[in-house]
Structures are given as structure tokens and as C-alpha cells.
ModelCIF file with pLDDT and N, C-alpha, C, O atoms, coordinates in Angstrom:
data_MODEL
#
_entry.id   MODEL 
#
_entity.id                         1 
_entity.type                       polymer 
_entity.pdbx_number_of_molecules   1 
#
_entity_poly.entity_id                      1 
_entity_poly.type                           'polypeptide(L)' 
_entity_poly.nstd_linkage                   no 
_entity_poly.nstd_monomer                   no 
_entity_poly.pdbx_seq_one_letter_code       NVGDKVDLKLPKNQVDYVKQIIENKKGPLVLVIASGSPVSLEGLEEYC 
_entity_poly.pdbx_seq_one_letter_code_can   NVGDKVDLKLPKNQVDYVKQIIENKKGPLVLVIASGSPVSLEGLEEYC 
_entity_poly.pdbx_strand_id                 A 
#
loop_
_entity_poly_seq.entity_id 
_entity_poly_seq.num 
_entity_poly_seq.mon_id 
_entity_poly_seq.hetero 
1 1  ASN n 
1 2  VAL n 
1 3  GLY n 
1 4  ASP n 
1 5  LYS n 
1 6  VAL n 
1 7  ASP n 
1 8  LEU n 
1 9  LYS n 
1 10 LEU n 
1 11 PRO n 
1 12 LYS n 
1 13 ASN n 
1 14 GLN n 
1 15 VAL n 
1 16 ASP n 
1 17 TYR n 
1 18 VAL n 
1 19 LYS n 
1 20 GLN n 
1 21 ILE n 
1 22 ILE n 
1 23 GLU n 
1 24 ASN n 
1 25 LYS n 
1 26 LYS n 
1 27 GLY n 
1 28 PRO n 
1 29 LEU n 
1 30 VAL n 
1 31 LEU n 
1 32 VAL n 
1 33 ILE n 
1 34 ALA n 
1 35 SER n 
1 36 GLY n 
1 37 SER n 
1 38 PRO n 
1 39 VAL n 
1 40 SER n 
1 41 LEU n 
1 42 GLU n 
1 43 GLY n 
1 44 LEU n 
1 45 GLU n 
1 46 GLU n 
1 47 TYR n 
1 48 CYS n 
#
_struct_asym.id          A 
_struct_asym.entity_id   1 
#
loop_
_ma_qa_metric.id 
_ma_qa_metric.mode 
_ma_qa_metric.name 
_ma_qa_metric.software_group_id 
_ma_qa_metric.type 
1 global pLDDT . pLDDT 
2 local  pLDDT . pLDDT 
#
_ma_qa_metric_global.metric_id      1 
_ma_qa_metric_global.metric_value   96.73 
_ma_qa_metric_global.model_id       1 
_ma_qa_metric_global.ordinal_id     1 
#
loop_
_ma_qa_metric_local.label_asym_id 
_ma_qa_metric_local.label_comp_id 
_ma_qa_metric_local.label_seq_id 
_ma_qa_metric_local.metric_id 
_ma_qa_metric_local.metric_value 
_ma_qa_metric_local.model_id 
_ma_qa_metric_local.ordinal_id 
A ASN 1  2 92.00 1 1  
A VAL 2  2 94.00 1 2  
A GLY 3  2 96.00 1 3  
A ASP 4  2 97.00 1 4  
A LYS 5  2 96.00 1 5  
A VAL 6  2 95.00 1 6  
A ASP 7  2 96.00 1 7  
A LEU 8  2 97.00 1 8  
A LYS 9  2 96.00 1 9  
A LEU 10 2 97.00 1 10 
A PRO 11 2 96.00 1 11 
A LYS 12 2 96.00 1 12 
A ASN 13 2 96.00 1 13 
A GLN 14 2 97.00 1 14 
A VAL 15 2 97.00 1 15 
A ASP 16 2 97.00 1 16 
A TYR 17 2 97.00 1 17 
A VAL 18 2 98.00 1 18 
A LYS 19 2 98.00 1 19 
A GLN 20 2 97.00 1 20 
A ILE 21 2 98.00 1 21 
A ILE 22 2 98.00 1 22 
A GLU 23 2 97.00 1 23 
A ASN 24 2 97.00 1 24 
A LYS 25 2 97.00 1 25 
A LYS 26 2 95.00 1 26 
A GLY 27 2 97.00 1 27 
A PRO 28 2 98.00 1 28 
A LEU 29 2 98.00 1 29 
A VAL 30 2 98.00 1 30 
A LEU 31 2 98.00 1 31 
A VAL 32 2 98.00 1 32 
A ILE 33 2 98.00 1 33 
A ALA 34 2 98.00 1 34 
A SER 35 2 98.00 1 35 
A GLY 36 2 98.00 1 36 
A SER 37 2 98.00 1 37 
A PRO 38 2 98.00 1 38 
A VAL 39 2 97.00 1 39 
A SER 40 2 96.00 1 40 
A LEU 41 2 96.00 1 41 
A GLU 42 2 93.00 1 42 
A GLY 43 2 94.00 1 43 
A LEU 44 2 96.00 1 44 
A GLU 45 2 97.00 1 45 
A GLU 46 2 97.00 1 46 
A TYR 47 2 97.00 1 47 
A CYS 48 2 98.00 1 48 
#
loop_
_atom_site.group_PDB 
_atom_site.id 
_atom_site.type_symbol 
_atom_site.label_atom_id 
_atom_site.label_alt_id 
_atom_site.label_comp_id 
_atom_site.label_asym_id 
_atom_site.label_entity_id 
_atom_site.label_seq_id 
_atom_site.pdbx_PDB_ins_code 
_atom_site.Cartn_x 
_atom_site.Cartn_y 
_atom_site.Cartn_z 
_atom_site.occupancy 
_atom_site.B_iso_or_equiv 
_atom_site.pdbx_formal_charge 
_atom_site.auth_seq_id 
_atom_site.auth_comp_id 
_atom_site.auth_asym_id 
_atom_site.auth_atom_id 
_atom_site.pdbx_PDB_model_num 
ATOM 1   N N  . ASN A 1 1  ? -15.491 50.919 -19.391 1.00 92.00 ? 1  ASN A N  1 
ATOM 2   C CA . ASN A 1 1  ? -16.628 50.355 -20.113 1.00 92.00 ? 1  ASN A CA 1 
ATOM 3   C C  . ASN A 1 1  ? -17.800 50.102 -19.168 1.00 92.00 ? 1  ASN A C  1 
ATOM 4   O O  . ASN A 1 1  ? -18.347 49.000 -19.129 1.00 92.00 ? 1  ASN A O  1 
ATOM 5   N N  . VAL A 1 2  ? -18.180 51.127 -18.410 1.00 94.00 ? 2  VAL A N  1 
ATOM 6   C CA . VAL A 1 2  ? -19.351 51.087 -17.529 1.00 94.00 ? 2  VAL A CA 1 
ATOM 7   C C  . VAL A 1 2  ? -19.282 49.895 -16.575 1.00 94.00 ? 2  VAL A C  1 
ATOM 8   O O  . VAL A 1 2  ? -20.270 49.183 -16.396 1.00 94.00 ? 2  VAL A O  1 
ATOM 9   N N  . GLY A 1 3  ? -18.140 49.682 -15.977 1.00 96.00 ? 3  GLY A N  1 
ATOM 10  C CA . GLY A 1 3  ? -17.986 48.620 -14.999 1.00 96.00 ? 3  GLY A CA 1 
ATOM 11  C C  . GLY A 1 3  ? -17.287 47.386 -15.524 1.00 96.00 ? 3  GLY A C  1 
ATOM 12  O O  . GLY A 1 3  ? -16.647 46.665 -14.759 1.00 96.00 ? 3  GLY A O  1 
ATOM 13  N N  . ASP A 1 4  ? -17.398 47.132 -16.812 1.00 97.00 ? 4  ASP A N  1 
ATOM 14  C CA . ASP A 1 4  ? -16.745 45.974 -17.414 1.00 97.00 ? 4  ASP A CA 1 
ATOM 15  C C  . ASP A 1 4  ? -15.328 46.330 -17.866 1.00 97.00 ? 4  ASP A C  1 
ATOM 16  O O  . ASP A 1 4  ? -14.945 47.499 -17.905 1.00 97.00 ? 4  ASP A O  1 
ATOM 17  N N  . LYS A 1 5  ? -14.561 45.292 -18.206 1.00 96.00 ? 5  LYS A N  1 
ATOM 18  C CA . LYS A 1 5  ? -13.209 45.497 -18.723 1.00 96.00 ? 5  LYS A CA 1 
ATOM 19  C C  . LYS A 1 5  ? -13.237 45.438 -20.249 1.00 96.00 ? 5  LYS A C  1 
ATOM 20  O O  . LYS A 1 5  ? -13.971 44.643 -20.836 1.00 96.00 ? 5  LYS A O  1 
ATOM 21  N N  . VAL A 1 6  ? -12.447 46.269 -20.868 1.00 95.00 ? 6  VAL A N  1 
ATOM 22  C CA . VAL A 1 6  ? -12.308 46.250 -22.325 1.00 95.00 ? 6  VAL A CA 1 
ATOM 23  C C  . VAL A 1 6  ? -11.413 45.093 -22.748 1.00 95.00 ? 6  VAL A C  1 
ATOM 24  O O  . VAL A 1 6  ? -11.664 44.430 -23.754 1.00 95.00 ? 6  VAL A O  1 
ATOM 25  N N  . ASP A 1 7  ? -10.373 44.865 -21.967 1.00 96.00 ? 7  ASP A N  1 
ATOM 26  C CA . ASP A 1 7  ? -9.462  43.750 -22.224 1.00 96.00 ? 7  ASP A CA 1 
ATOM 27  C C  . ASP A 1 7  ? -9.049  43.165 -20.884 1.00 96.00 ? 7  ASP A C  1 
ATOM 28  O O  . ASP A 1 7  ? -9.590  43.553 -19.848 1.00 96.00 ? 7  ASP A O  1 
ATOM 29  N N  . LEU A 1 8  ? -8.108  42.245 -20.887 1.00 97.00 ? 8  LEU A N  1 
ATOM 30  C CA . LEU A 1 8  ? -7.695  41.589 -19.654 1.00 97.00 ? 8  LEU A CA 1 
ATOM 31  C C  . LEU A 1 8  ? -6.360  42.103 -19.136 1.00 97.00 ? 8  LEU A C  1 
ATOM 32  O O  . LEU A 1 8  ? -5.801  41.546 -18.191 1.00 97.00 ? 8  LEU A O  1 
ATOM 33  N N  . LYS A 1 9  ? -5.851  43.159 -19.748 1.00 96.00 ? 9  LYS A N  1 
ATOM 34  C CA . LYS A 1 9  ? -4.535  43.665 -19.386 1.00 96.00 ? 9  LYS A CA 1 
ATOM 35  C C  . LYS A 1 9  ? -4.584  44.491 -18.100 1.00 96.00 ? 9  LYS A C  1 
ATOM 36  O O  . LYS A 1 9  ? -5.621  45.048 -17.742 1.00 96.00 ? 9  LYS A O  1 
ATOM 37  N N  . LEU A 1 10 ? -3.457  44.556 -17.425 1.00 97.00 ? 10 LEU A N  1 
ATOM 38  C CA . LEU A 1 10 ? -3.279  45.534 -16.365 1.00 97.00 ? 10 LEU A CA 1 
ATOM 39  C C  . LEU A 1 10 ? -3.273  46.931 -16.978 1.00 97.00 ? 10 LEU A C  1 
ATOM 40  O O  . LEU A 1 10 ? -2.933  47.079 -18.152 1.00 97.00 ? 10 LEU A O  1 
ATOM 41  N N  . PRO A 1 11 ? -3.640  47.954 -16.216 1.00 96.00 ? 11 PRO A N  1 
ATOM 42  C CA . PRO A 1 11 ? -3.507  49.317 -16.728 1.00 96.00 ? 11 PRO A CA 1 
ATOM 43  C C  . PRO A 1 11 ? -2.093  49.570 -17.239 1.00 96.00 ? 11 PRO A C  1 
ATOM 44  O O  . PRO A 1 11 ? -1.120  49.093 -16.656 1.00 96.00 ? 11 PRO A O  1 
ATOM 45  N N  . LYS A 1 12 ? -1.989  50.311 -18.316 1.00 96.00 ? 12 LYS A N  1 
ATOM 46  C CA . LYS A 1 12 ? -0.694  50.483 -19.000 1.00 96.00 ? 12 LYS A CA 1 
ATOM 47  C C  . LYS A 1 12 ? 0.379   51.036 -18.069 1.00 96.00 ? 12 LYS A C  1 
ATOM 48  O O  . LYS A 1 12 ? 1.534   50.618 -18.144 1.00 96.00 ? 12 LYS A O  1 
ATOM 49  N N  . ASN A 1 13 ? 0.019   51.962 -17.202 1.00 96.00 ? 13 ASN A N  1 
ATOM 50  C CA . ASN A 1 13 ? 1.027   52.539 -16.321 1.00 96.00 ? 13 ASN A CA 1 
ATOM 51  C C  . ASN A 1 13 ? 1.597   51.484 -15.369 1.00 96.00 ? 13 ASN A C  1 
ATOM 52  O O  . ASN A 1 13 ? 2.772   51.548 -15.006 1.00 96.00 ? 13 ASN A O  1 
ATOM 53  N N  . GLN A 1 14 ? 0.770   50.513 -14.963 1.00 97.00 ? 14 GLN A N  1 
ATOM 54  C CA . GLN A 1 14 ? 1.274   49.437 -14.108 1.00 97.00 ? 14 GLN A CA 1 
ATOM 55  C C  . GLN A 1 14 ? 2.201   48.501 -14.892 1.00 97.00 ? 14 GLN A C  1 
ATOM 56  O O  . GLN A 1 14 ? 3.252   48.095 -14.397 1.00 97.00 ? 14 GLN A O  1 
ATOM 57  N N  . VAL A 1 15 ? 1.797   48.168 -16.115 1.00 97.00 ? 15 VAL A N  1 
ATOM 58  C CA . VAL A 1 15 ? 2.641   47.325 -16.958 1.00 97.00 ? 15 VAL A CA 1 
ATOM 59  C C  . VAL A 1 15 ? 3.997   47.995 -17.179 1.00 97.00 ? 15 VAL A C  1 
ATOM 60  O O  . VAL A 1 15 ? 5.042   47.352 -17.075 1.00 97.00 ? 15 VAL A O  1 
ATOM 61  N N  . ASP A 1 16 ? 3.968   49.292 -17.485 1.00 97.00 ? 16 ASP A N  1 
ATOM 62  C CA . ASP A 1 16 ? 5.215   50.029 -17.713 1.00 97.00 ? 16 ASP A CA 1 
ATOM 63  C C  . ASP A 1 16 ? 6.099   50.019 -16.466 1.00 97.00 ? 16 ASP A C  1 
ATOM 64  O O  . ASP A 1 16 ? 7.320   49.900 -16.564 1.00 97.00 ? 16 ASP A O  1 
ATOM 65  N N  . TYR A 1 17 ? 5.478   50.144 -15.305 1.00 97.00 ? 17 TYR A N  1 
ATOM 66  C CA . TYR A 1 17 ? 6.252   50.158 -14.065 1.00 97.00 ? 17 TYR A CA 1 
ATOM 67  C C  . TYR A 1 17 ? 6.891   48.795 -13.800 1.00 97.00 ? 17 TYR A C  1 
ATOM 68  O O  . TYR A 1 17 ? 8.054   48.721 -13.406 1.00 97.00 ? 17 TYR A O  1 
ATOM 69  N N  . VAL A 1 18 ? 6.140   47.727 -14.013 1.00 98.00 ? 18 VAL A N  1 
ATOM 70  C CA . VAL A 1 18 ? 6.699   46.388 -13.828 1.00 98.00 ? 18 VAL A CA 1 
ATOM 71  C C  . VAL A 1 18 ? 7.873   46.174 -14.783 1.00 98.00 ? 18 VAL A C  1 
ATOM 72  O O  . VAL A 1 18 ? 8.886   45.583 -14.408 1.00 98.00 ? 18 VAL A O  1 
ATOM 73  N N  . LYS A 1 19 ? 7.732   46.650 -16.002 1.00 98.00 ? 19 LYS A N  1 
ATOM 74  C CA . LYS A 1 19 ? 8.830   46.517 -16.967 1.00 98.00 ? 19 LYS A CA 1 
ATOM 75  C C  . LYS A 1 19 ? 10.067  47.297 -16.511 1.00 98.00 ? 19 LYS A C  1 
ATOM 76  O O  . LYS A 1 19 ? 11.195  46.850 -16.714 1.00 98.00 ? 19 LYS A O  1 
ATOM 77  N N  . GLN A 1 20 ? 9.855   48.441 -15.904 1.00 97.00 ? 20 GLN A N  1 
ATOM 78  C CA . GLN A 1 20 ? 10.992  49.199 -15.371 1.00 97.00 ? 20 GLN A CA 1 
ATOM 79  C C  . GLN A 1 20 ? 11.685  48.429 -14.247 1.00 97.00 ? 20 GLN A C  1 
ATOM 80  O O  . GLN A 1 20 ? 12.912  48.429 -14.148 1.00 97.00 ? 20 GLN A O  1 
ATOM 81  N N  . ILE A 1 21 ? 10.904  47.789 -13.420 1.00 98.00 ? 21 ILE A N  1 
ATOM 82  C CA . ILE A 1 21 ? 11.488  46.976 -12.346 1.00 98.00 ? 21 ILE A CA 1 
ATOM 83  C C  . ILE A 1 21 ? 12.283  45.815 -12.932 1.00 98.00 ? 21 ILE A C  1 
ATOM 84  O O  . ILE A 1 21 ? 13.380  45.499 -12.470 1.00 98.00 ? 21 ILE A O  1 
ATOM 85  N N  . ILE A 1 22 ? 11.712  45.186 -13.957 1.00 98.00 ? 22 ILE A N  1 
ATOM 86  C CA . ILE A 1 22 ? 12.400  44.066 -14.616 1.00 98.00 ? 22 ILE A CA 1 
ATOM 87  C C  . ILE A 1 22 ? 13.762  44.506 -15.151 1.00 98.00 ? 22 ILE A C  1 
ATOM 88  O O  . ILE A 1 22 ? 14.742  43.764 -15.071 1.00 98.00 ? 22 ILE A O  1 
ATOM 89  N N  . GLU A 1 23 ? 13.809  45.709 -15.692 1.00 97.00 ? 23 GLU A N  1 
ATOM 90  C CA . GLU A 1 23 ? 15.064  46.221 -16.246 1.00 97.00 ? 23 GLU A CA 1 
ATOM 91  C C  . GLU A 1 23 ? 16.088  46.541 -15.166 1.00 97.00 ? 23 GLU A C  1 
ATOM 92  O O  . GLU A 1 23 ? 17.293  46.485 -15.412 1.00 97.00 ? 23 GLU A O  1 
ATOM 93  N N  . ASN A 1 24 ? 15.608  46.876 -13.968 1.00 97.00 ? 24 ASN A N  1 
ATOM 94  C CA . ASN A 1 24 ? 16.508  47.355 -12.916 1.00 97.00 ? 24 ASN A CA 1 
ATOM 95  C C  . ASN A 1 24 ? 16.804  46.347 -11.827 1.00 97.00 ? 24 ASN A C  1 
ATOM 96  O O  . ASN A 1 24 ? 17.793  46.505 -11.110 1.00 97.00 ? 24 ASN A O  1 
ATOM 97  N N  . LYS A 1 25 ? 16.005  45.336 -11.676 1.00 97.00 ? 25 LYS A N  1 
ATOM 98  C CA . LYS A 1 25 ? 16.075  44.468 -10.490 1.00 97.00 ? 25 LYS A CA 1 
ATOM 99  C C  . LYS A 1 25 ? 17.400  43.719 -10.382 1.00 97.00 ? 25 LYS A C  1 
ATOM 100 O O  . LYS A 1 25 ? 17.999  43.298 -11.372 1.00 97.00 ? 25 LYS A O  1 
ATOM 101 N N  . LYS A 1 26 ? 17.824  43.577 -9.126  1.00 95.00 ? 26 LYS A N  1 
ATOM 102 C CA . LYS A 1 26 ? 19.016  42.779 -8.828  1.00 95.00 ? 26 LYS A CA 1 
ATOM 103 C C  . LYS A 1 26 ? 18.619  41.355 -8.457  1.00 95.00 ? 26 LYS A C  1 
ATOM 104 O O  . LYS A 1 26 ? 19.215  40.394 -8.942  1.00 95.00 ? 26 LYS A O  1 
ATOM 105 N N  . GLY A 1 27 ? 17.636  41.224 -7.616  1.00 97.00 ? 27 GLY A N  1 
ATOM 106 C CA . GLY A 1 27 ? 17.176  39.916 -7.160  1.00 97.00 ? 27 GLY A CA 1 
ATOM 107 C C  . GLY A 1 27 ? 15.905  39.497 -7.880  1.00 97.00 ? 27 GLY A C  1 
ATOM 108 O O  . GLY A 1 27 ? 15.499  40.141 -8.848  1.00 97.00 ? 27 GLY A O  1 
ATOM 109 N N  . PRO A 1 28 ? 15.276  38.429 -7.421  1.00 98.00 ? 28 PRO A N  1 
ATOM 110 C CA . PRO A 1 28 ? 14.059  37.933 -8.057  1.00 98.00 ? 28 PRO A CA 1 
ATOM 111 C C  . PRO A 1 28 ? 12.887  38.891 -7.888  1.00 98.00 ? 28 PRO A C  1 
ATOM 112 O O  . PRO A 1 28 ? 12.875  39.743 -7.000  1.00 98.00 ? 28 PRO A O  1 
ATOM 113 N N  . LEU A 1 29 ? 11.895  38.723 -8.775  1.00 98.00 ? 29 LEU A N  1 
ATOM 114 C CA . LEU A 1 29 ? 10.685  39.545 -8.756  1.00 98.00 ? 29 LEU A CA 1 
ATOM 115 C C  . LEU A 1 29 ? 9.491   38.668 -8.394  1.00 98.00 ? 29 LEU A C  1 
ATOM 116 O O  . LEU A 1 29 ? 9.203   37.681 -9.070  1.00 98.00 ? 29 LEU A O  1 
ATOM 117 N N  . VAL A 1 30 ? 8.801   39.042 -7.317  1.00 98.00 ? 30 VAL A N  1 
ATOM 118 C CA . VAL A 1 30 ? 7.560   38.384 -6.908  1.00 98.00 ? 30 VAL A CA 1 
ATOM 119 C C  . VAL A 1 30 ? 6.404   39.319 -7.264  1.00 98.00 ? 30 VAL A C  1 
ATOM 120 O O  . VAL A 1 30 ? 6.278   40.407 -6.703  1.00 98.00 ? 30 VAL A O  1 
ATOM 121 N N  . LEU A 1 31 ? 5.566   38.883 -8.199  1.00 98.00 ? 31 LEU A N  1 
ATOM 122 C CA . LEU A 1 31 ? 4.440   39.710 -8.633  1.00 98.00 ? 31 LEU A CA 1 
ATOM 123 C C  . LEU A 1 31 ? 3.191   39.262 -7.891  1.00 98.00 ? 31 LEU A C  1 
ATOM 124 O O  . LEU A 1 31 ? 2.810   38.093 -7.943  1.00 98.00 ? 31 LEU A O  1 
ATOM 125 N N  . VAL A 1 32 ? 2.568   40.189 -7.210  1.00 98.00 ? 32 VAL A N  1 
ATOM 126 C CA . VAL A 1 32 ? 1.334   39.928 -6.464  1.00 98.00 ? 32 VAL A CA 1 
ATOM 127 C C  . VAL A 1 32 ? 0.200   40.650 -7.176  1.00 98.00 ? 32 VAL A C  1 
ATOM 128 O O  . VAL A 1 32 ? 0.244   41.868 -7.346  1.00 98.00 ? 32 VAL A O  1 
ATOM 129 N N  . ILE A 1 33 ? -0.828  39.890 -7.595  1.00 98.00 ? 33 ILE A N  1 
ATOM 130 C CA . ILE A 1 33 ? -1.914  40.459 -8.394  1.00 98.00 ? 33 ILE A CA 1 
ATOM 131 C C  . ILE A 1 33 ? -3.201  40.471 -7.593  1.00 98.00 ? 33 ILE A C  1 
ATOM 132 O O  . ILE A 1 33 ? -3.663  39.429 -7.128  1.00 98.00 ? 33 ILE A O  1 
ATOM 133 N N  . ALA A 1 34 ? -3.775  41.644 -7.433  1.00 98.00 ? 34 ALA A N  1 
ATOM 134 C CA . ALA A 1 34 ? -5.073  41.803 -6.787  1.00 98.00 ? 34 ALA A CA 1 
ATOM 135 C C  . ALA A 1 34 ? -6.109  42.104 -7.865  1.00 98.00 ? 34 ALA A C  1 
ATOM 136 O O  . ALA A 1 34 ? -5.991  43.086 -8.597  1.00 98.00 ? 34 ALA A O  1 
ATOM 137 N N  . SER A 1 35 ? -7.111  41.259 -7.953  1.00 98.00 ? 35 SER A N  1 
ATOM 138 C CA . SER A 1 35 ? -8.190  41.499 -8.916  1.00 98.00 ? 35 SER A CA 1 
ATOM 139 C C  . SER A 1 35 ? -9.330  40.552 -8.610  1.00 98.00 ? 35 SER A C  1 
ATOM 140 O O  . SER A 1 35 ? -9.161  39.556 -7.907  1.00 98.00 ? 35 SER A O  1 
ATOM 141 N N  . GLY A 1 36 ? -10.490 40.877 -9.147  1.00 98.00 ? 36 GLY A N  1 
ATOM 142 C CA . GLY A 1 36 ? -11.639 39.990 -8.996  1.00 98.00 ? 36 GLY A CA 1 
ATOM 143 C C  . GLY A 1 36 ? -11.899 39.181 -10.231 1.00 98.00 ? 36 GLY A C  1 
ATOM 144 O O  . GLY A 1 36 ? -12.945 38.544 -10.359 1.00 98.00 ? 36 GLY A O  1 
ATOM 145 N N  . SER A 1 37 ? -10.944 39.200 -11.155 1.00 98.00 ? 37 SER A N  1 
ATOM 146 C CA . SER A 1 37 ? -11.136 38.549 -12.451 1.00 98.00 ? 37 SER A CA 1 
ATOM 147 C C  . SER A 1 37 ? -9.764  38.227 -13.042 1.00 98.00 ? 37 SER A C  1 
ATOM 148 O O  . SER A 1 37 ? -8.746  38.692 -12.530 1.00 98.00 ? 37 SER A O  1 
ATOM 149 N N  . PRO A 1 38 ? -9.730  37.437 -14.112 1.00 98.00 ? 38 PRO A N  1 
ATOM 150 C CA . PRO A 1 38 ? -8.448  37.122 -14.741 1.00 98.00 ? 38 PRO A CA 1 
ATOM 151 C C  . PRO A 1 38 ? -7.740  38.354 -15.300 1.00 98.00 ? 38 PRO A C  1 
ATOM 152 O O  . PRO A 1 38 ? -8.359  39.233 -15.899 1.00 98.00 ? 38 PRO A O  1 
ATOM 153 N N  . VAL A 1 39 ? -6.442  38.390 -15.089 1.00 97.00 ? 39 VAL A N  1 
ATOM 154 C CA . VAL A 1 39 ? -5.585  39.446 -15.623 1.00 97.00 ? 39 VAL A CA 1 
ATOM 155 C C  . VAL A 1 39 ? -4.564  38.796 -16.549 1.00 97.00 ? 39 VAL A C  1 
ATOM 156 O O  . VAL A 1 39 ? -3.925  37.808 -16.185 1.00 97.00 ? 39 VAL A O  1 
ATOM 157 N N  . SER A 1 40 ? -4.415  39.352 -17.738 1.00 96.00 ? 40 SER A N  1 
ATOM 158 C CA . SER A 1 40 ? -3.433  38.831 -18.694 1.00 96.00 ? 40 SER A CA 1 
ATOM 159 C C  . SER A 1 40 ? -2.030  39.303 -18.323 1.00 96.00 ? 40 SER A C  1 
ATOM 160 O O  . SER A 1 40 ? -1.812  40.467 -17.989 1.00 96.00 ? 40 SER A O  1 
ATOM 161 N N  . LEU A 1 41 ? -1.088  38.368 -18.393 1.00 96.00 ? 41 LEU A N  1 
ATOM 162 C CA . LEU A 1 41 ? 0.298   38.702 -18.070 1.00 96.00 ? 41 LEU A CA 1 
ATOM 163 C C  . LEU A 1 41 ? 1.210   38.538 -19.281 1.00 96.00 ? 41 LEU A C  1 
ATOM 164 O O  . LEU A 1 41 ? 2.412   38.318 -19.133 1.00 96.00 ? 41 LEU A O  1 
ATOM 165 N N  . GLU A 1 42 ? 0.642   38.644 -20.466 1.00 93.00 ? 42 GLU A N  1 
ATOM 166 C CA . GLU A 1 42 ? 1.456   38.542 -21.679 1.00 93.00 ? 42 GLU A CA 1 
ATOM 167 C C  . GLU A 1 42 ? 2.544   39.614 -21.657 1.00 93.00 ? 42 GLU A C  1 
ATOM 168 O O  . GLU A 1 42 ? 2.259   40.793 -21.449 1.00 93.00 ? 42 GLU A O  1 
ATOM 169 N N  . GLY A 1 43 ? 3.767   39.205 -21.868 1.00 94.00 ? 43 GLY A N  1 
ATOM 170 C CA . GLY A 1 43 ? 4.891   40.129 -21.875 1.00 94.00 ? 43 GLY A CA 1 
ATOM 171 C C  . GLY A 1 43 ? 5.508   40.353 -20.509 1.00 94.00 ? 43 GLY A C  1 
ATOM 172 O O  . GLY A 1 43 ? 6.551   40.998 -20.409 1.00 94.00 ? 43 GLY A O  1 
ATOM 173 N N  . LEU A 1 44 ? 4.888   39.834 -19.444 1.00 96.00 ? 44 LEU A N  1 
ATOM 174 C CA . LEU A 1 44 ? 5.410   40.002 -18.094 1.00 96.00 ? 44 LEU A CA 1 
ATOM 175 C C  . LEU A 1 44 ? 5.723   38.661 -17.426 1.00 96.00 ? 44 LEU A C  1 
ATOM 176 O O  . LEU A 1 44 ? 6.692   38.549 -16.675 1.00 96.00 ? 44 LEU A O  1 
ATOM 177 N N  . GLU A 1 45 ? 4.916   37.668 -17.694 1.00 97.00 ? 45 GLU A N  1 
ATOM 178 C CA . GLU A 1 45 ? 4.988   36.397 -16.969 1.00 97.00 ? 45 GLU A CA 1 
ATOM 179 C C  . GLU A 1 45 ? 6.386   35.793 -16.984 1.00 97.00 ? 45 GLU A C  1 
ATOM 180 O O  . GLU A 1 45 ? 6.881   35.337 -15.954 1.00 97.00 ? 45 GLU A O  1 
ATOM 181 N N  . GLU A 1 46 ? 7.014   35.792 -18.138 1.00 97.00 ? 46 GLU A N  1 
ATOM 182 C CA . GLU A 1 46 ? 8.309   35.117 -18.264 1.00 97.00 ? 46 GLU A CA 1 
ATOM 183 C C  . GLU A 1 46 ? 9.412   35.803 -17.461 1.00 97.00 ? 46 GLU A C  1 
ATOM 184 O O  . GLU A 1 46 ? 10.457  35.202 -17.212 1.00 97.00 ? 46 GLU A O  1 
ATOM 185 N N  . TYR A 1 47 ? 9.193   37.055 -17.052 1.00 97.00 ? 47 TYR A N  1 
ATOM 186 C CA . TYR A 1 47 ? 10.212  37.793 -16.305 1.00 97.00 ? 47 TYR A CA 1 
ATOM 187 C C  . TYR A 1 47 ? 9.967   37.764 -14.799 1.00 97.00 ? 47 TYR A C  1 
ATOM 188 O O  . TYR A 1 47 ? 10.760  38.299 -14.025 1.00 97.00 ? 47 TYR A O  1 
ATOM 189 N N  . CYS A 1 48 ? 8.871   37.140 -14.391 1.00 98.00 ? 48 CYS A N  1 
ATOM 190 C CA . CYS A 1 48 ? 8.541   37.059 -12.970 1.00 98.00 ? 48 CYS A CA 1 
ATOM 191 C C  . CYS A 1 48 ? 9.011   35.721 -12.408 1.00 98.00 ? 48 CYS A C  1 
ATOM 192 O O  . CYS A 1 48 ? 8.828   35.451 -11.221 1.00 98.00 ? 48 CYS A O  1 
#
């Protein structure tokens, strides 16, 4: 959107990858988020 964000979600491919890790992980998951603005973690937060 010409520099702006359409929504606050992570790119879908990243969300899908995190979900794959959640399904496979043996130990705890530490999620590190790099951004200059708020990122929504709906559907991911509870698994981190």
C-alpha cells in the first residue's frame, strides 16, 4: 500500500512458518519480532 500497511499481520508465509514450528517443536518457542510498528499476533501469541 505505497509504504503503508494494509493490516497489522505478519506476512502470511511467516505466519505459516511459525505455525509449522508450533506443530513440530519439542522445547519452548521464543518469538523475536523486528518491526517499526505494531504487529498483530492473533493466533500465534498463545503458542509462544
